[in-house]
Amino acid sequence: SLGDDLKFVFITSAAASSAGDELKVTVTPSTAAKCERCWHYRDDVGADAAHPTICGRCTSNLYGAGEERRIA
C-alpha cells in the first residue's frame, strides 16, 4: 500500500494516508520496540527468537526472500 512505501519516503516507522478536503499531518510517538538494525519502531521486534533484537522485515531481508517495494 501507499502507506507501506510512505514510511520510507518520510523516514519514519509508519505512515498512513486518507482522502480529505485539506492537507493535514499528524505525528504521534510509537509504542513499539525499536529494531536495532533498521531503527524502525515495530510491533514484531523479537518475534523471531533466533533474532530477538530485530524486526520481522529485517529478519526477512537478512535470512529470507526480502521485501518488494513499489514506490520507494
N, C-alpha and C. Protein backbone atom coordinates (compact mmCIF):
# COMPACT_ATOMS: atom_id res chain seq x y z
N SER A 1 0.83 -1.19 0.00
CA SER A 1 0.00 0.00 0.00
C SER A 1 0.87 1.25 0.00
N LEU A 2 0.25 2.38 -0.30
CA LEU A 2 0.98 3.64 -0.31
C LEU A 2 1.60 3.92 1.05
N GLY A 3 0.88 3.64 2.13
CA GLY A 3 1.41 3.86 3.47
C GLY A 3 2.65 3.04 3.75
N ASP A 4 2.71 1.83 3.21
CA ASP A 4 3.89 0.99 3.39
C ASP A 4 5.12 1.64 2.77
N ASP A 5 4.96 2.29 1.63
CA ASP A 5 6.09 2.97 0.99
C ASP A 5 6.34 4.36 1.56
N LEU A 6 5.29 5.04 2.01
CA LEU A 6 5.46 6.39 2.56
C LEU A 6 6.36 6.40 3.78
N LYS A 7 6.37 5.34 4.56
CA LYS A 7 7.23 5.34 5.75
C LYS A 7 8.70 5.43 5.37
N PHE A 8 9.06 4.95 4.18
CA PHE A 8 10.44 5.07 3.72
C PHE A 8 10.71 6.45 3.14
N VAL A 9 9.74 7.05 2.48
CA VAL A 9 9.88 8.40 1.94
C VAL A 9 10.06 9.41 3.08
N PHE A 10 9.25 9.27 4.14
CA PHE A 10 9.30 10.19 5.27
C PHE A 10 10.30 9.78 6.34
N ILE A 11 10.98 8.66 6.13
CA ILE A 11 11.95 8.12 7.09
C ILE A 11 11.33 8.06 8.48
N THR A 12 10.26 7.29 8.58
CA THR A 12 9.54 7.13 9.84
C THR A 12 9.13 5.67 9.99
N SER A 13 8.67 5.29 11.14
CA SER A 13 8.31 3.90 11.39
C SER A 13 6.99 3.49 10.76
N ALA A 14 6.09 4.44 10.58
CA ALA A 14 4.79 4.14 9.98
C ALA A 14 4.22 5.40 9.36
N ALA A 15 3.40 5.22 8.34
CA ALA A 15 2.71 6.34 7.70
C ALA A 15 1.38 5.84 7.15
N ALA A 16 0.40 6.71 7.18
CA ALA A 16 -0.92 6.36 6.63
C ALA A 16 -1.45 7.57 5.88
N SER A 17 -2.24 7.33 4.88
CA SER A 17 -2.85 8.43 4.12
C SER A 17 -4.35 8.19 4.02
N SER A 18 -5.08 9.28 3.92
CA SER A 18 -6.53 9.18 3.73
C SER A 18 -7.00 10.39 2.93
N ALA A 19 -8.08 10.23 2.22
CA ALA A 19 -8.63 11.31 1.41
C ALA A 19 -9.29 12.35 2.30
N GLY A 20 -9.16 13.61 1.90
CA GLY A 20 -9.77 14.68 2.66
C GLY A 20 -9.79 15.96 1.86
N ASP A 21 -10.41 16.99 2.41
CA ASP A 21 -10.51 18.28 1.73
C ASP A 21 -9.27 19.15 1.91
N GLU A 22 -8.44 18.83 2.88
CA GLU A 22 -7.26 19.64 3.16
C GLU A 22 -6.07 18.74 3.49
N LEU A 23 -4.89 19.31 3.38
CA LEU A 23 -3.67 18.60 3.74
C LEU A 23 -3.49 18.71 5.25
N LYS A 24 -3.26 17.59 5.88
CA LYS A 24 -3.10 17.56 7.33
C LYS A 24 -2.07 16.50 7.68
N VAL A 25 -1.17 16.81 8.59
CA VAL A 25 -0.17 15.86 9.05
C VAL A 25 -0.30 15.73 10.56
N THR A 26 -0.36 14.50 11.03
CA THR A 26 -0.41 14.22 12.46
C THR A 26 0.77 13.32 12.81
N VAL A 27 1.52 13.68 13.82
CA VAL A 27 2.68 12.90 14.24
C VAL A 27 2.43 12.41 15.67
N THR A 28 2.61 11.12 15.88
CA THR A 28 2.45 10.54 17.22
C THR A 28 3.61 9.59 17.49
N PRO A 29 4.08 9.54 18.73
CA PRO A 29 5.17 8.62 19.05
C PRO A 29 4.70 7.17 19.01
N SER A 30 5.60 6.30 18.64
CA SER A 30 5.30 4.87 18.58
C SER A 30 5.40 4.26 19.97
N THR A 31 4.61 3.23 20.20
CA THR A 31 4.70 2.48 21.45
C THR A 31 5.42 1.15 21.24
N ALA A 32 5.86 0.90 20.02
CA ALA A 32 6.52 -0.37 19.67
C ALA A 32 8.01 -0.33 20.05
N ALA A 33 8.65 -1.48 19.98
CA ALA A 33 10.09 -1.60 20.25
C ALA A 33 10.89 -1.18 19.03
N LYS A 34 12.10 -0.68 19.26
CA LYS A 34 12.98 -0.22 18.19
C LYS A 34 13.86 -1.36 17.69
N CYS A 35 13.85 -1.58 16.39
CA CYS A 35 14.73 -2.58 15.77
C CYS A 35 16.15 -2.04 15.77
N GLU A 36 17.11 -2.84 16.23
CA GLU A 36 18.48 -2.34 16.29
C GLU A 36 19.15 -2.27 14.93
N ARG A 37 18.58 -2.89 13.92
CA ARG A 37 19.17 -2.85 12.58
C ARG A 37 18.65 -1.67 11.76
N CYS A 38 17.32 -1.55 11.62
CA CYS A 38 16.74 -0.51 10.77
C CYS A 38 16.30 0.73 11.55
N TRP A 39 16.23 0.62 12.87
CA TRP A 39 15.83 1.69 13.77
C TRP A 39 14.36 2.06 13.64
N HIS A 40 13.57 1.25 12.95
CA HIS A 40 12.13 1.48 12.90
C HIS A 40 11.52 0.91 14.17
N TYR A 41 10.50 1.55 14.66
CA TYR A 41 9.76 1.06 15.82
C TYR A 41 8.64 0.17 15.29
N ARG A 42 8.71 -1.13 15.62
CA ARG A 42 7.77 -2.10 15.06
C ARG A 42 7.29 -3.07 16.13
N ASP A 43 6.05 -3.51 15.98
CA ASP A 43 5.47 -4.45 16.94
C ASP A 43 6.09 -5.84 16.86
N ASP A 44 6.76 -6.16 15.75
CA ASP A 44 7.29 -7.51 15.58
C ASP A 44 8.78 -7.64 15.94
N VAL A 45 9.36 -6.64 16.62
CA VAL A 45 10.74 -6.78 17.08
C VAL A 45 10.78 -7.92 18.10
N GLY A 46 11.67 -8.87 17.88
CA GLY A 46 11.81 -10.01 18.78
C GLY A 46 10.85 -11.15 18.51
N ALA A 47 10.04 -11.05 17.46
CA ALA A 47 9.08 -12.12 17.15
C ALA A 47 9.79 -13.42 16.79
N ASP A 48 10.99 -13.31 16.23
CA ASP A 48 11.78 -14.49 15.90
C ASP A 48 12.80 -14.68 17.03
N ALA A 49 12.65 -15.74 17.79
CA ALA A 49 13.51 -15.98 18.96
C ALA A 49 14.99 -16.07 18.58
N ALA A 50 15.28 -16.47 17.35
CA ALA A 50 16.67 -16.56 16.90
C ALA A 50 17.29 -15.17 16.68
N HIS A 51 16.44 -14.15 16.53
CA HIS A 51 16.91 -12.78 16.28
C HIS A 51 16.07 -11.82 17.13
N PRO A 52 16.28 -11.81 18.44
CA PRO A 52 15.40 -11.09 19.36
C PRO A 52 15.48 -9.57 19.31
N THR A 53 16.48 -9.01 18.65
CA THR A 53 16.62 -7.55 18.66
C THR A 53 16.27 -6.90 17.32
N ILE A 54 15.83 -7.70 16.34
CA ILE A 54 15.47 -7.12 15.05
C ILE A 54 14.02 -7.46 14.69
N CYS A 55 13.49 -6.67 13.77
CA CYS A 55 12.09 -6.82 13.36
C CYS A 55 11.93 -7.90 12.29
N GLY A 56 10.69 -8.23 12.02
CA GLY A 56 10.38 -9.24 11.01
C GLY A 56 10.84 -8.84 9.62
N ARG A 57 10.75 -7.55 9.30
CA ARG A 57 11.20 -7.06 7.99
C ARG A 57 12.70 -7.30 7.83
N CYS A 58 13.48 -6.97 8.84
CA CYS A 58 14.93 -7.17 8.77
C CYS A 58 15.27 -8.66 8.75
N THR A 59 14.55 -9.46 9.53
CA THR A 59 14.77 -10.90 9.51
C THR A 59 14.55 -11.45 8.11
N SER A 60 13.48 -11.01 7.47
CA SER A 60 13.18 -11.46 6.11
C SER A 60 14.24 -10.98 5.12
N ASN A 61 14.69 -9.74 5.26
CA ASN A 61 15.70 -9.21 4.35
C ASN A 61 17.06 -9.89 4.53
N LEU A 62 17.39 -10.26 5.75
CA LEU A 62 18.68 -10.89 6.02
C LEU A 62 18.68 -12.39 5.79
N TYR A 63 17.59 -13.05 6.15
CA TYR A 63 17.58 -14.51 6.16
C TYR A 63 16.49 -15.13 5.30
N GLY A 64 15.70 -14.32 4.61
CA GLY A 64 14.59 -14.84 3.81
C GLY A 64 14.57 -14.24 2.42
N ALA A 65 13.38 -14.15 1.87
CA ALA A 65 13.20 -13.67 0.50
C ALA A 65 13.30 -12.16 0.38
N GLY A 66 13.25 -11.44 1.48
CA GLY A 66 13.33 -9.99 1.42
C GLY A 66 11.99 -9.36 1.16
N GLU A 67 12.00 -8.07 0.83
CA GLU A 67 10.76 -7.33 0.63
C GLU A 67 10.70 -6.78 -0.79
N GLU A 68 9.50 -6.46 -1.20
CA GLU A 68 9.29 -5.84 -2.50
C GLU A 68 8.66 -4.47 -2.28
N ARG A 69 9.32 -3.44 -2.77
CA ARG A 69 8.79 -2.08 -2.66
C ARG A 69 8.26 -1.66 -4.02
N ARG A 70 7.15 -0.92 -4.02
CA ARG A 70 6.56 -0.46 -5.27
C ARG A 70 6.99 0.95 -5.62
N ILE A 71 7.09 1.83 -4.64
CA ILE A 71 7.30 3.25 -4.93
C ILE A 71 8.65 3.74 -4.40
N ALA A 72 8.96 3.44 -3.16
CA ALA A 72 10.18 3.97 -2.54
C ALA A 72 11.11 2.86 -2.12
